Amino acid sequence: MAHIDDARKTFDKFDLDGDGYVTPAEFQQAMVELGDRHYTVSLAEAVVKSRDDNGDGVLTFDEFYDKAKDL
């Protein structure tokens, strides 16, 4: 996922309302839609928190890409 265009497409799948931020609820819903039916909001909150550099409770594209580019 190192390519920025691929990362943007992936981010857009998680940003369900298109506001430029991924909330824990959106993260959870996207994971369920990708096939992980047991992905909980609590787990999504933990993942978002671990990647949320500014502590606002949501992921921006830059925060998402910063972590994804190493995958």
N, C-alpha and C. Protein backbone atom coordinates (compact mmCIF):
# COMPACT_ATOMS: atom_id res chain seq x y z
N MET A 1 0.82 -1.19 0.00
CA MET A 1 0.00 0.00 0.00
C MET A 1 0.87 1.26 0.00
N ALA A 2 2.12 1.12 -0.32
CA ALA A 2 3.03 2.24 -0.25
C ALA A 2 2.69 3.36 -1.24
N HIS A 3 2.02 3.03 -2.32
CA HIS A 3 1.68 4.04 -3.31
C HIS A 3 0.54 4.92 -2.79
N ILE A 4 0.73 6.22 -2.87
CA ILE A 4 -0.22 7.16 -2.26
C ILE A 4 -1.62 7.06 -2.88
N ASP A 5 -1.71 6.81 -4.18
CA ASP A 5 -3.03 6.69 -4.81
C ASP A 5 -3.79 5.48 -4.28
N ASP A 6 -3.09 4.37 -4.09
CA ASP A 6 -3.73 3.18 -3.52
C ASP A 6 -4.16 3.44 -2.08
N ALA A 7 -3.31 4.14 -1.34
CA ALA A 7 -3.66 4.48 0.04
C ALA A 7 -4.88 5.39 0.09
N ARG A 8 -4.98 6.34 -0.84
CA ARG A 8 -6.14 7.24 -0.88
C ARG A 8 -7.41 6.45 -1.17
N LYS A 9 -7.35 5.52 -2.10
CA LYS A 9 -8.53 4.70 -2.42
C LYS A 9 -8.95 3.88 -1.20
N THR A 10 -7.98 3.33 -0.49
CA THR A 10 -8.30 2.55 0.71
C THR A 10 -8.88 3.45 1.78
N PHE A 11 -8.28 4.61 1.99
CA PHE A 11 -8.80 5.56 2.98
C PHE A 11 -10.25 5.93 2.66
N ASP A 12 -10.51 6.17 1.39
CA ASP A 12 -11.87 6.56 0.97
C ASP A 12 -12.89 5.45 1.26
N LYS A 13 -12.47 4.20 1.24
CA LYS A 13 -13.37 3.10 1.59
C LYS A 13 -13.73 3.13 3.07
N PHE A 14 -12.82 3.63 3.89
CA PHE A 14 -13.05 3.72 5.33
C PHE A 14 -13.79 5.01 5.70
N ASP A 15 -13.57 6.07 4.95
CA ASP A 15 -14.22 7.36 5.20
C ASP A 15 -15.61 7.33 4.57
N LEU A 16 -16.53 6.68 5.24
CA LEU A 16 -17.83 6.37 4.66
C LEU A 16 -18.69 7.59 4.36
N ASP A 17 -18.55 8.66 5.14
CA ASP A 17 -19.36 9.84 4.87
C ASP A 17 -18.61 10.89 4.03
N GLY A 18 -17.36 10.61 3.68
CA GLY A 18 -16.60 11.48 2.78
C GLY A 18 -16.17 12.81 3.37
N ASP A 19 -16.11 12.90 4.71
CA ASP A 19 -15.76 14.18 5.33
C ASP A 19 -14.26 14.37 5.53
N GLY A 20 -13.45 13.39 5.12
CA GLY A 20 -12.01 13.50 5.26
C GLY A 20 -11.46 12.92 6.55
N TYR A 21 -12.32 12.32 7.35
CA TYR A 21 -11.91 11.73 8.61
C TYR A 21 -12.51 10.33 8.73
N VAL A 22 -11.77 9.43 9.38
CA VAL A 22 -12.29 8.09 9.65
C VAL A 22 -12.52 8.00 11.16
N THR A 23 -13.78 7.84 11.53
CA THR A 23 -14.15 7.66 12.93
C THR A 23 -14.02 6.19 13.30
N PRO A 24 -13.98 5.88 14.59
CA PRO A 24 -13.97 4.47 14.97
C PRO A 24 -15.19 3.70 14.41
N ALA A 25 -16.35 4.32 14.41
CA ALA A 25 -17.55 3.65 13.87
C ALA A 25 -17.40 3.37 12.39
N GLU A 26 -16.84 4.31 11.63
CA GLU A 26 -16.61 4.08 10.20
C GLU A 26 -15.57 2.98 9.99
N PHE A 27 -14.52 3.01 10.80
CA PHE A 27 -13.47 1.99 10.71
C PHE A 27 -14.07 0.61 10.94
N GLN A 28 -14.88 0.50 11.98
CA GLN A 28 -15.52 -0.77 12.30
C GLN A 28 -16.43 -1.22 11.16
N GLN A 29 -17.25 -0.32 10.67
CA GLN A 29 -18.19 -0.68 9.60
C GLN A 29 -17.44 -1.11 8.34
N ALA A 30 -16.37 -0.41 8.01
CA ALA A 30 -15.58 -0.77 6.82
C ALA A 30 -14.96 -2.15 6.99
N MET A 31 -14.46 -2.45 8.18
CA MET A 31 -13.87 -3.77 8.42
C MET A 31 -14.92 -4.87 8.28
N VAL A 32 -16.12 -4.62 8.76
CA VAL A 32 -17.21 -5.59 8.61
C VAL A 32 -17.53 -5.78 7.13
N GLU A 33 -17.59 -4.67 6.38
CA GLU A 33 -17.89 -4.76 4.95
C GLU A 33 -16.78 -5.47 4.18
N LEU A 34 -15.56 -5.41 4.72
CA LEU A 34 -14.45 -6.11 4.08
C LEU A 34 -14.39 -7.58 4.47
N GLY A 35 -15.32 -8.01 5.33
CA GLY A 35 -15.43 -9.44 5.63
C GLY A 35 -15.17 -9.85 7.06
N ASP A 36 -14.74 -8.93 7.90
CA ASP A 36 -14.48 -9.29 9.30
C ASP A 36 -15.73 -8.97 10.12
N ARG A 37 -16.68 -9.88 10.12
CA ARG A 37 -17.98 -9.65 10.76
C ARG A 37 -17.90 -9.54 12.27
N HIS A 38 -16.78 -9.90 12.85
CA HIS A 38 -16.63 -9.87 14.31
C HIS A 38 -15.82 -8.68 14.80
N TYR A 39 -15.53 -7.75 13.89
CA TYR A 39 -14.75 -6.56 14.25
C TYR A 39 -15.64 -5.63 15.07
N THR A 40 -15.23 -5.32 16.29
CA THR A 40 -16.06 -4.53 17.20
C THR A 40 -15.69 -3.05 17.17
N VAL A 41 -16.61 -2.23 17.65
CA VAL A 41 -16.34 -0.80 17.76
C VAL A 41 -15.19 -0.58 18.76
N SER A 42 -15.16 -1.37 19.83
CA SER A 42 -14.08 -1.23 20.82
C SER A 42 -12.71 -1.48 20.18
N LEU A 43 -12.63 -2.48 19.34
CA LEU A 43 -11.38 -2.76 18.64
C LEU A 43 -11.04 -1.61 17.70
N ALA A 44 -12.03 -1.12 16.98
CA ALA A 44 -11.82 0.01 16.07
C ALA A 44 -11.35 1.25 16.83
N GLU A 45 -11.92 1.48 18.00
CA GLU A 45 -11.49 2.62 18.83
C GLU A 45 -10.03 2.48 19.22
N ALA A 46 -9.60 1.29 19.56
CA ALA A 46 -8.21 1.05 19.93
C ALA A 46 -7.27 1.26 18.75
N VAL A 47 -7.68 0.79 17.59
CA VAL A 47 -6.84 0.95 16.39
C VAL A 47 -6.73 2.43 16.02
N VAL A 48 -7.85 3.13 16.01
CA VAL A 48 -7.84 4.55 15.68
C VAL A 48 -6.97 5.31 16.69
N LYS A 49 -7.14 5.02 17.95
CA LYS A 49 -6.36 5.69 18.99
C LYS A 49 -4.86 5.48 18.79
N SER A 50 -4.48 4.28 18.39
CA SER A 50 -3.06 3.97 18.22
C SER A 50 -2.45 4.69 17.01
N ARG A 51 -3.28 5.15 16.10
CA ARG A 51 -2.80 5.82 14.88
C ARG A 51 -3.10 7.31 14.86
N ASP A 52 -3.85 7.77 15.84
CA ASP A 52 -4.32 9.15 15.90
C ASP A 52 -3.25 10.03 16.53
N ASP A 53 -2.42 10.64 15.70
CA ASP A 53 -1.27 11.40 16.18
C ASP A 53 -1.65 12.66 16.96
N ASN A 54 -2.75 13.32 16.60
CA ASN A 54 -3.10 14.57 17.27
C ASN A 54 -4.15 14.39 18.37
N GLY A 55 -4.61 13.16 18.59
CA GLY A 55 -5.51 12.87 19.69
C GLY A 55 -6.92 13.39 19.55
N ASP A 56 -7.38 13.63 18.31
CA ASP A 56 -8.73 14.15 18.13
C ASP A 56 -9.79 13.05 17.99
N GLY A 57 -9.38 11.78 18.05
CA GLY A 57 -10.33 10.68 18.03
C GLY A 57 -10.72 10.17 16.65
N VAL A 58 -10.13 10.76 15.61
CA VAL A 58 -10.41 10.33 14.24
C VAL A 58 -9.09 10.27 13.47
N LEU A 59 -9.11 9.60 12.32
CA LEU A 59 -7.93 9.52 11.47
C LEU A 59 -8.08 10.43 10.27
N THR A 60 -7.06 11.23 10.01
CA THR A 60 -6.98 11.98 8.77
C THR A 60 -6.27 11.09 7.74
N PHE A 61 -6.28 11.53 6.50
CA PHE A 61 -5.56 10.76 5.49
C PHE A 61 -4.07 10.70 5.84
N ASP A 62 -3.50 11.80 6.29
CA ASP A 62 -2.07 11.81 6.61
C ASP A 62 -1.74 10.81 7.72
N GLU A 63 -2.57 10.74 8.75
CA GLU A 63 -2.35 9.77 9.83
C GLU A 63 -2.49 8.35 9.30
N PHE A 64 -3.50 8.13 8.47
CA PHE A 64 -3.72 6.81 7.86
C PHE A 64 -2.53 6.42 6.99
N TYR A 65 -2.11 7.34 6.13
CA TYR A 65 -1.03 7.04 5.19
C TYR A 65 0.31 6.86 5.91
N ASP A 66 0.55 7.66 6.95
CA ASP A 66 1.80 7.55 7.69
C ASP A 66 2.01 6.14 8.21
N LYS A 67 0.92 5.51 8.67
CA LYS A 67 1.03 4.15 9.20
C LYS A 67 0.97 3.11 8.08
N ALA A 68 0.22 3.39 7.03
CA ALA A 68 0.01 2.40 5.96
C ALA A 68 1.19 2.30 5.00
N LYS A 69 1.96 3.36 4.87
CA LYS A 69 3.03 3.35 3.87
C LYS A 69 4.12 2.32 4.16
N ASP A 70 4.22 1.89 5.40
CA ASP A 70 5.23 0.89 5.75
C ASP A 70 4.75 -0.54 5.55
N LEU A 71 3.49 -0.73 5.20
CA LEU A 71 2.95 -2.09 5.02
C LEU A 71 3.35 -2.66 3.69
